[in-house]
Structure formats: C-alpha cells, structure tokens
Amino acid sequence: MDKIPAFSGWLSGGFSDWISHHSVQEVALVIGATVAVTTLLINLITLLINLANFFLNWHYRKKKLRLQQLNKAAPAREREEDEAK
C-alpha cells in the first residue's frame, strides 16, 4: 500500500527537479514537441487503420460483385441444363 504514495512522491520530486533546471520557454518547447510527436503518431496509426479498412472493403466488395454475377448466371445455366435433358 505504501508503494503508490512513495512512487507518486518520487515522480513529483523528479518532475520538480527537472522543471527547476529549465526556463519556462524550454519547458514549453518540450511539452509542445511531445504533443506534436504524439499527434503525429496518432495520425499515422489512424492512416494505417483507414488504409486497411479501404483494402478490406475493396476486397469484400469485389467478392460480393463476383457472387452476384454468379447468381445472375446460375438461373441461365439451370435453364440450359434443363433444355439439354
């Protein structure tokens, strides 16, 4: 139970130590750069997900159209088979 308060005290102490050695502009630069990099990574992940979604939709739409074409051709084949008998 004492591990969580000890860790939070250690973390806040480390942050206070780090921030005391830097100016406000340096801290703002680090925070801004962190936000920018995080936003870039999130956008890249979103782009990859959207590309995967596009190709999955394209594949299954192509498959669906192929099945629809086969189903339209199936009654014609059945009629040809009935006529051949």
PDB file of N, CA and C in Angstrom:
ATOM      1  N   MET A   1       0.812  -1.197   0.000  1.00  0.00           N
ATOM      2  CA  MET A   1       0.000   0.000   0.000  1.00  0.00           C
ATOM      3  C   MET A   1       0.855   1.260   0.000  1.00  0.00           C
ATOM      4  N   ASP A   2       2.048   1.187   0.549  1.00  0.00           N
ATOM      5  CA  ASP A   2       2.900   2.365   0.618  1.00  0.00           C
ATOM      6  C   ASP A   2       3.673   2.582  -0.680  1.00  0.00           C
ATOM      7  N   LYS A   3       3.581   1.642  -1.600  1.00  0.00           N
ATOM      8  CA  LYS A   3       4.341   1.774  -2.834  1.00  0.00           C
ATOM      9  C   LYS A   3       3.787   2.883  -3.719  1.00  0.00           C
ATOM     10  N   ILE A   4       2.463   3.017  -3.777  1.00  0.00           N
ATOM     11  CA  ILE A   4       1.867   4.021  -4.656  1.00  0.00           C
ATOM     12  C   ILE A   4       2.186   5.433  -4.169  1.00  0.00           C
ATOM     13  N   PRO A   5       1.968   5.773  -2.893  1.00  0.00           N
ATOM     14  CA  PRO A   5       2.345   7.126  -2.446  1.00  0.00           C
ATOM     15  C   PRO A   5       3.845   7.389  -2.582  1.00  0.00           C
ATOM     16  N   ALA A   6       4.671   6.387  -2.342  1.00  0.00           N
ATOM     17  CA  ALA A   6       6.116   6.565  -2.473  1.00  0.00           C
ATOM     18  C   ALA A   6       6.483   6.842  -3.931  1.00  0.00           C
ATOM     19  N   PHE A   7       5.862   6.110  -4.847  1.00  0.00           N
ATOM     20  CA  PHE A   7       6.150   6.311  -6.271  1.00  0.00           C
ATOM     21  C   PHE A   7       5.678   7.680  -6.729  1.00  0.00           C
ATOM     22  N   SER A   8       4.474   8.101  -6.303  1.00  0.00           N
ATOM     23  CA  SER A   8       3.980   9.414  -6.718  1.00  0.00           C
ATOM     24  C   SER A   8       4.846  10.531  -6.127  1.00  0.00           C
ATOM     25  N   GLY A   9       5.341  10.357  -4.899  1.00  0.00           N
ATOM     26  CA  GLY A   9       6.251  11.341  -4.318  1.00  0.00           C
ATOM     27  C   GLY A   9       7.565  11.404  -5.062  1.00  0.00           C
ATOM     28  N   TRP A  10       8.091  10.248  -5.426  1.00  0.00           N
ATOM     29  CA  TRP A  10       9.329  10.179  -6.187  1.00  0.00           C
ATOM     30  C   TRP A  10       9.141  10.818  -7.554  1.00  0.00           C
ATOM     31  N   LEU A  11       7.991  10.544  -8.215  1.00  0.00           N
ATOM     32  CA  LEU A  11       7.711  11.086  -9.536  1.00  0.00           C
ATOM     33  C   LEU A  11       7.554  12.599  -9.492  1.00  0.00           C
ATOM     34  N   SER A  12       6.788  13.113  -8.528  1.00  0.00           N
ATOM     35  CA  SER A  12       6.608  14.562  -8.446  1.00  0.00           C
ATOM     36  C   SER A  12       7.923  15.256  -8.067  1.00  0.00           C
ATOM     37  N   GLY A  13       8.734  14.619  -7.240  1.00  0.00           N
ATOM     38  CA  GLY A  13      10.042  15.178  -6.907  1.00  0.00           C
ATOM     39  C   GLY A  13      10.952  15.249  -8.109  1.00  0.00           C
ATOM     40  N   GLY A  14      10.950  14.204  -8.912  1.00  0.00           N
ATOM     41  CA  GLY A  14      11.763  14.188 -10.126  1.00  0.00           C
ATOM     42  C   GLY A  14      11.306  15.232 -11.121  1.00  0.00           C
ATOM     43  N   PHE A  15       9.999  15.386 -11.254  1.00  0.00           N
ATOM     44  CA  PHE A  15       9.462  16.400 -12.160  1.00  0.00           C
ATOM     45  C   PHE A  15       9.824  17.802 -11.673  1.00  0.00           C
ATOM     46  N   SER A  16       9.694  18.038 -10.371  1.00  0.00           N
ATOM     47  CA  SER A  16      10.046  19.348  -9.804  1.00  0.00           C
ATOM     48  C   SER A  16      11.534  19.637  -9.996  1.00  0.00           C
ATOM     49  N   ASP A  17      12.370  18.638  -9.826  1.00  0.00           N
ATOM     50  CA  ASP A  17      13.801  18.804 -10.028  1.00  0.00           C
ATOM     51  C   ASP A  17      14.101  19.135 -11.477  1.00  0.00           C
ATOM     52  N   TRP A  18      13.462  18.420 -12.398  1.00  0.00           N
ATOM     53  CA  TRP A  18      13.694  18.657 -13.818  1.00  0.00           C
ATOM     54  C   TRP A  18      13.243  20.056 -14.212  1.00  0.00           C
ATOM     55  N   ILE A  19      12.048  20.450 -13.755  1.00  0.00           N
ATOM     56  CA  ILE A  19      11.489  21.738 -14.160  1.00  0.00           C
ATOM     57  C   ILE A  19      12.269  22.895 -13.549  1.00  0.00           C
ATOM     58  N   SER A  20      12.916  22.687 -12.391  1.00  0.00           N
ATOM     59  CA  SER A  20      13.667  23.770 -11.754  1.00  0.00           C
ATOM     60  C   SER A  20      14.955  24.085 -12.501  1.00  0.00           C
ATOM     61  N   HIS A  21      15.442  23.176 -13.309  1.00  0.00           N
ATOM     62  CA  HIS A  21      16.685  23.390 -14.052  1.00  0.00           C
ATOM     63  C   HIS A  21      16.444  24.019 -15.419  1.00  0.00           C
ATOM     64  N   HIS A  22      15.185  24.216 -15.796  1.00  0.00           N
ATOM     65  CA  HIS A  22      14.869  24.730 -17.130  1.00  0.00           C
ATOM     66  C   HIS A  22      14.046  25.997 -17.037  1.00  0.00           C
ATOM     67  N   SER A  23      14.132  26.795 -18.103  1.00  0.00           N
ATOM     68  CA  SER A  23      13.322  28.013 -18.157  1.00  0.00           C
ATOM     69  C   SER A  23      11.914  27.654 -18.627  1.00  0.00           C
ATOM     70  N   VAL A  24      11.038  28.621 -18.538  1.00  0.00           N
ATOM     71  CA  VAL A  24       9.652  28.406 -18.961  1.00  0.00           C
ATOM     72  C   VAL A  24       9.599  28.096 -20.457  1.00  0.00           C
ATOM     73  N   GLN A  25      10.438  28.754 -21.234  1.00  0.00           N
ATOM     74  CA  GLN A  25      10.455  28.519 -22.682  1.00  0.00           C
ATOM     75  C   GLN A  25      10.921  27.098 -23.007  1.00  0.00           C
ATOM     76  N   GLU A  26      11.891  26.606 -22.283  1.00  0.00           N
ATOM     77  CA  GLU A  26      12.383  25.247 -22.524  1.00  0.00           C
ATOM     78  C   GLU A  26      11.322  24.207 -22.164  1.00  0.00           C
ATOM     79  N   VAL A  27      10.629  24.448 -21.063  1.00  0.00           N
ATOM     80  CA  VAL A  27       9.560  23.528 -20.661  1.00  0.00           C
ATOM     81  C   VAL A  27       8.442  23.549 -21.700  1.00  0.00           C
ATOM     82  N   ALA A  28       8.088  24.750 -22.169  1.00  0.00           N
ATOM     83  CA  ALA A  28       7.042  24.862 -23.197  1.00  0.00           C
ATOM     84  C   ALA A  28       7.473  24.169 -24.478  1.00  0.00           C
ATOM     85  N   LEU A  29       8.743  24.282 -24.827  1.00  0.00           N
ATOM     86  CA  LEU A  29       9.254  23.616 -26.024  1.00  0.00           C
ATOM     87  C   LEU A  29       9.141  22.097 -25.894  1.00  0.00           C
ATOM     88  N   VAL A  30       9.532  21.572 -24.752  1.00  0.00           N
ATOM     89  CA  VAL A  30       9.474  20.117 -24.549  1.00  0.00           C
ATOM     90  C   VAL A  30       8.022  19.634 -24.577  1.00  0.00           C
ATOM     91  N   ILE A  31       7.140  20.359 -23.907  1.00  0.00           N
ATOM     92  CA  ILE A  31       5.732  19.954 -23.892  1.00  0.00           C
ATOM     93  C   ILE A  31       5.131  20.056 -25.295  1.00  0.00           C
ATOM     94  N   GLY A  32       5.436  21.145 -26.005  1.00  0.00           N
ATOM     95  CA  GLY A  32       4.932  21.307 -27.379  1.00  0.00           C
ATOM     96  C   GLY A  32       5.447  20.230 -28.312  1.00  0.00           C
ATOM     97  N   ALA A  33       6.725  19.901 -28.196  1.00  0.00           N
ATOM     98  CA  ALA A  33       7.302  18.857 -29.046  1.00  0.00           C
ATOM     99  C   ALA A  33       6.680  17.501 -28.731  1.00  0.00           C
ATOM    100  N   THR A  34       6.435  17.247 -27.449  1.00  0.00           N
ATOM    101  CA  THR A  34       5.818  15.980 -27.054  1.00  0.00           C
ATOM    102  C   THR A  34       4.400  15.866 -27.615  1.00  0.00           C
ATOM    103  N   VAL A  35       3.655  16.955 -27.528  1.00  0.00           N
ATOM    104  CA  VAL A  35       2.291  16.955 -28.073  1.00  0.00           C
ATOM    105  C   VAL A  35       2.326  16.765 -29.592  1.00  0.00           C
ATOM    106  N   ALA A  36       3.258  17.436 -30.276  1.00  0.00           N
ATOM    107  CA  ALA A  36       3.362  17.317 -31.731  1.00  0.00           C
ATOM    108  C   ALA A  36       3.708  15.894 -32.160  1.00  0.00           C
ATOM    109  N   VAL A  37       4.667  15.287 -31.500  1.00  0.00           N
ATOM    110  CA  VAL A  37       5.072  13.919 -31.853  1.00  0.00           C
ATOM    111  C   VAL A  37       3.945  12.935 -31.555  1.00  0.00           C
ATOM    112  N   THR A  38       3.272  13.121 -30.433  1.00  0.00           N
ATOM    113  CA  THR A  38       2.155  12.243 -30.090  1.00  0.00           C
ATOM    114  C   THR A  38       1.036  12.366 -31.120  1.00  0.00           C
ATOM    115  N   THR A  39       0.731  13.591 -31.531  1.00  0.00           N
ATOM    116  CA  THR A  39      -0.298  13.806 -32.545  1.00  0.00           C
ATOM    117  C   THR A  39       0.102  13.161 -33.870  1.00  0.00           C
ATOM    118  N   LEU A  40       1.362  13.288 -34.236  1.00  0.00           N
ATOM    119  CA  LEU A  40       1.839  12.666 -35.471  1.00  0.00           C
ATOM    120  C   LEU A  40       1.688  11.149 -35.414  1.00  0.00           C
ATOM    121  N   LEU A  41       2.067  10.546 -34.299  1.00  0.00           N
ATOM    122  CA  LEU A  41       1.944   9.085 -34.172  1.00  0.00           C
ATOM    123  C   LEU A  41       0.485   8.642 -34.236  1.00  0.00           C
ATOM    124  N   ILE A  42      -0.395   9.374 -33.578  1.00  0.00           N
ATOM    125  CA  ILE A  42      -1.818   9.034 -33.614  1.00  0.00           C
ATOM    126  C   ILE A  42      -2.345   9.151 -35.040  1.00  0.00           C
ATOM    127  N   ASN A  43      -1.946  10.195 -35.770  1.00  0.00           N
ATOM    128  CA  ASN A  43      -2.396  10.363 -37.148  1.00  0.00           C
ATOM    129  C   ASN A  43      -1.861   9.266 -38.057  1.00  0.00           C
ATOM    130  N   LEU A  44      -0.627   8.835 -37.839  1.00  0.00           N
ATOM    131  CA  LEU A  44      -0.072   7.745 -38.655  1.00  0.00           C
ATOM    132  C   LEU A  44      -0.799   6.429 -38.391  1.00  0.00           C
ATOM    133  N   ILE A  45      -1.102   6.173 -37.129  1.00  0.00           N
ATOM    134  CA  ILE A  45      -1.850   4.957 -36.789  1.00  0.00           C
ATOM    135  C   ILE A  45      -3.240   5.008 -37.415  1.00  0.00           C
ATOM    136  N   THR A  46      -3.878   6.179 -37.355  1.00  0.00           N
ATOM    137  CA  THR A  46      -5.202   6.338 -37.960  1.00  0.00           C
ATOM    138  C   THR A  46      -5.134   6.135 -39.466  1.00  0.00           C
ATOM    139  N   LEU A  47      -4.089   6.644 -40.101  1.00  0.00           N
ATOM    140  CA  LEU A  47      -3.923   6.457 -41.538  1.00  0.00           C
ATOM    141  C   LEU A  47      -3.778   4.982 -41.887  1.00  0.00           C
ATOM    142  N   LEU A  48      -2.988   4.250 -41.116  1.00  0.00           N
ATOM    143  CA  LEU A  48      -2.815   2.814 -41.375  1.00  0.00           C
ATOM    144  C   LEU A  48      -4.133   2.056 -41.205  1.00  0.00           C
ATOM    145  N   ILE A  49      -4.903   2.414 -40.187  1.00  0.00           N
ATOM    146  CA  ILE A  49      -6.197   1.766 -39.972  1.00  0.00           C
ATOM    147  C   ILE A  49      -7.137   2.071 -41.134  1.00  0.00           C
ATOM    148  N   ASN A  50      -7.140   3.319 -41.599  1.00  0.00           N
ATOM    149  CA  ASN A  50      -8.010   3.684 -42.722  1.00  0.00           C
ATOM    150  C   ASN A  50      -7.597   2.977 -44.012  1.00  0.00           C
ATOM    151  N   LEU A  51      -6.307   2.838 -44.243  1.00  0.00           N
ATOM    152  CA  LEU A  51      -5.851   2.112 -45.433  1.00  0.00           C
ATOM    153  C   LEU A  51      -6.243   0.636 -45.365  1.00  0.00           C
ATOM    154  N   ALA A  52      -6.089   0.040 -44.197  1.00  0.00           N
ATOM    155  CA  ALA A  52      -6.500  -1.357 -44.043  1.00  0.00           C
ATOM    156  C   ALA A  52      -8.001  -1.499 -44.268  1.00  0.00           C
ATOM    157  N   ASN A  53      -8.777  -0.564 -43.749  1.00  0.00           N
ATOM    158  CA  ASN A  53     -10.225  -0.586 -43.939  1.00  0.00           C
ATOM    159  C   ASN A  53     -10.587  -0.443 -45.420  1.00  0.00           C
ATOM    160  N   PHE A  54      -9.888   0.449 -46.142  1.00  0.00           N
ATOM    161  CA  PHE A  54     -10.143   0.629 -47.567  1.00  0.00           C
ATOM    162  C   PHE A  54      -9.909  -0.663 -48.334  1.00  0.00           C
ATOM    163  N   PHE A  55      -8.768  -1.307 -48.085  1.00  0.00           N
ATOM    164  CA  PHE A  55      -8.456  -2.519 -48.835  1.00  0.00           C
ATOM    165  C   PHE A  55      -9.363  -3.686 -48.447  1.00  0.00           C
ATOM    166  N   LEU A  56      -9.766  -3.777 -47.186  1.00  0.00           N
ATOM    167  CA  LEU A  56     -10.722  -4.817 -46.800  1.00  0.00           C
ATOM    168  C   LEU A  56     -12.069  -4.596 -47.482  1.00  0.00           C
ATOM    169  N   ASN A  57     -12.548  -3.358 -47.480  1.00  0.00           N
ATOM    170  CA  ASN A  57     -13.813  -3.062 -48.152  1.00  0.00           C
ATOM    171  C   ASN A  57     -13.721  -3.345 -49.642  1.00  0.00           C
ATOM    172  N   TRP A  58     -12.594  -2.982 -50.253  1.00  0.00           N
ATOM    173  CA  TRP A  58     -12.416  -3.215 -51.679  1.00  0.00           C
ATOM    174  C   TRP A  58     -12.443  -4.716 -51.985  1.00  0.00           C
ATOM    175  N   HIS A  59     -11.758  -5.509 -51.165  1.00  0.00           N
ATOM    176  CA  HIS A  59     -11.712  -6.952 -51.373  1.00  0.00           C
ATOM    177  C   HIS A  59     -13.106  -7.570 -51.260  1.00  0.00           C
ATOM    178  N   TYR A  60     -13.831  -7.228 -50.200  1.00  0.00           N
ATOM    179  CA  TYR A  60     -15.133  -7.853 -49.996  1.00  0.00           C
ATOM    180  C   TYR A  60     -16.188  -7.323 -50.964  1.00  0.00           C
ATOM    181  N   ARG A  61     -16.058  -6.078 -51.415  1.00  0.00           N
ATOM    182  CA  ARG A  61     -16.983  -5.573 -52.426  1.00  0.00           C
ATOM    183  C   ARG A  61     -16.755  -6.305 -53.748  1.00  0.00           C
ATOM    184  N   LYS A  62     -15.479  -6.548 -54.091  1.00  0.00           N
ATOM    185  CA  LYS A  62     -15.150  -7.290 -55.306  1.00  0.00           C
ATOM    186  C   LYS A  62     -15.697  -8.719 -55.213  1.00  0.00           C
ATOM    187  N   LYS A  63     -15.550  -9.330 -54.035  1.00  0.00           N
ATOM    188  CA  LYS A  63     -16.049 -10.683 -53.815  1.00  0.00           C
ATOM    189  C   LYS A  63     -17.577 -10.718 -53.918  1.00  0.00           C
ATOM    190  N   LYS A  64     -18.234  -9.693 -53.347  1.00  0.00           N
ATOM    191  CA  LYS A  64     -19.697  -9.623 -53.389  1.00  0.00           C
ATOM    192  C   LYS A  64     -20.193  -9.474 -54.828  1.00  0.00           C
ATOM    193  N   LEU A  65     -19.528  -8.627 -55.609  1.00  0.00           N
ATOM    194  CA  LEU A  65     -19.936  -8.451 -57.007  1.00  0.00           C
ATOM    195  C   LEU A  65     -19.738  -9.737 -57.807  1.00  0.00           C
ATOM    196  N   ARG A  66     -18.659 -10.457 -57.529  1.00  0.00           N
ATOM    197  CA  ARG A  66     -18.418 -11.723 -58.212  1.00  0.00           C
ATOM    198  C   ARG A  66     -19.525 -12.736 -57.892  1.00  0.00           C
ATOM    199  N   LEU A  67     -19.920 -12.790 -56.613  1.00  0.00           N
ATOM    200  CA  LEU A  67     -21.001 -13.701 -56.227  1.00  0.00           C
ATOM    201  C   LEU A  67     -22.329 -13.290 -56.855  1.00  0.00           C
ATOM    202  N   GLN A  68     -22.581 -11.988 -56.933  1.00  0.00           N
ATOM    203  CA  GLN A  68     -23.819 -11.525 -57.569  1.00  0.00           C
ATOM    204  C   GLN A  68     -23.842 -11.891 -59.042  1.00  0.00           C
ATOM    205  N   GLN A  69     -22.693 -11.774 -59.709  1.00  0.00           N
ATOM    206  CA  GLN A  69     -22.629 -12.153 -61.120  1.00  0.00           C
ATOM    207  C   GLN A  69     -22.841 -13.651 -61.292  1.00  0.00           C
ATOM    208  N   LEU A  70     -22.310 -14.452 -60.383  1.00  0.00           N
ATOM    209  CA  LEU A  70     -22.511 -15.900 -60.457  1.00  0.00           C
ATOM    210  C   LEU A  70     -23.973 -16.259 -60.208  1.00  0.00           C
ATOM    211  N   ASN A  71     -24.619 -15.557 -59.279  1.00  0.00           N
ATOM    212  CA  ASN A  71     -26.026 -15.830 -59.000  1.00  0.00           C
ATOM    213  C   ASN A  71     -26.913 -15.429 -60.161  1.00  0.00           C
ATOM    214  N   LYS A  72     -26.567 -14.374 -60.897  1.00  0.00           N
ATOM    215  CA  LYS A  72     -27.334 -13.991 -62.083  1.00  0.00           C
ATOM    216  C   LYS A  72     -27.145 -15.000 -63.202  1.00  0.00           C
ATOM    217  N   ALA A  73     -25.951 -15.562 -63.288  1.00  0.00           N
ATOM    218  CA  ALA A  73     -25.660 -16.535 -64.341  1.00  0.00           C
ATOM    219  C   ALA A  73     -26.209 -17.915 -63.984  1.00  0.00           C
ATOM    220  N   ALA A  74     -26.440 -18.187 -62.731  1.00  0.00           N
ATOM    221  CA  ALA A  74     -26.897 -19.516 -62.305  1.00  0.00           C
ATOM    222  C   ALA A  74     -28.251 -19.892 -62.894  1.00  0.00           C
ATOM    223  N   PRO A  75     -29.283 -19.026 -62.878  1.00  0.00           N
ATOM    224  CA  PRO A  75     -30.560 -19.430 -63.491  1.00  0.00           C
ATOM    225  C   PRO A  75     -30.425 -19.721 -64.981  1.00  0.00           C
ATOM    226  N   ALA A  76     -29.569 -18.991 -65.675  1.00  0.00           N
ATOM    227  CA  ALA A  76     -29.369 -19.250 -67.103  1.00  0.00           C
ATOM    228  C   ALA A  76     -28.735 -20.618 -67.301  1.00  0.00           C
ATOM    229  N   ARG A  77     -27.779 -20.971 -66.452  1.00  0.00           N
ATOM    230  CA  ARG A  77     -27.160 -22.290 -66.562  1.00  0.00           C
ATOM    231  C   ARG A  77     -28.175 -23.394 -66.263  1.00  0.00           C
ATOM    232  N   GLU A  78     -29.024 -23.187 -65.274  1.00  0.00           N
ATOM    233  CA  GLU A  78     -30.030 -24.190 -64.930  1.00  0.00           C
ATOM    234  C   GLU A  78     -30.995 -24.394 -66.099  1.00  0.00           C
ATOM    235  N   ARG A  79     -31.391 -23.287 -66.751  1.00  0.00           N
ATOM    236  CA  ARG A  79     -32.268 -23.410 -67.921  1.00  0.00           C
ATOM    237  C   ARG A  79     -31.592 -24.188 -69.051  1.00  0.00           C
ATOM    238  N   GLU A  80     -30.305 -23.925 -69.251  1.00  0.00           N
ATOM    239  CA  GLU A  80     -29.566 -24.637 -70.299  1.00  0.00           C
ATOM    240  C   GLU A  80     -29.473 -26.117 -69.969  1.00  0.00           C
ATOM    241  N   GLU A  81     -29.271 -26.443 -68.691  1.00  0.00           N
ATOM    242  CA  GLU A  81     -29.195 -27.847 -68.296  1.00  0.00           C
ATOM    243  C   GLU A  81     -30.554 -28.520 -68.462  1.00  0.00           C
ATOM    244  N   ASP A  82     -31.643 -27.821 -68.132  1.00  0.00           N
ATOM    245  CA  ASP A  82     -32.981 -28.396 -68.296  1.00  0.00           C
ATOM    246  C   ASP A  82     -33.302 -28.632 -69.767  1.00  0.00           C
ATOM    247  N   GLU A  83     -32.890 -27.728 -70.638  1.00  0.00           N
ATOM    248  CA  GLU A  83     -33.139 -27.862 -72.067  1.00  0.00           C
ATOM    249  C   GLU A  83     -32.322 -29.011 -72.646  1.00  0.00           C
ATOM    250  N   ALA A  84     -31.124 -29.238 -72.082  1.00  0.00           N
ATOM    251  CA  ALA A  84     -30.256 -30.294 -72.585  1.00  0.00           C
ATOM    252  C   ALA A  84     -30.810 -31.676 -72.226  1.00  0.00           C
ATOM    253  N   LYS A  85     -31.604 -31.772 -71.159  1.00  0.00           N
ATOM    254  CA  LYS A  85     -32.163 -33.063 -70.768  1.00  0.00           C
ATOM    255  C   LYS A  85     -33.255 -33.419 -71.679  1.00  0.00           C
TER     256      LYS A  85
END
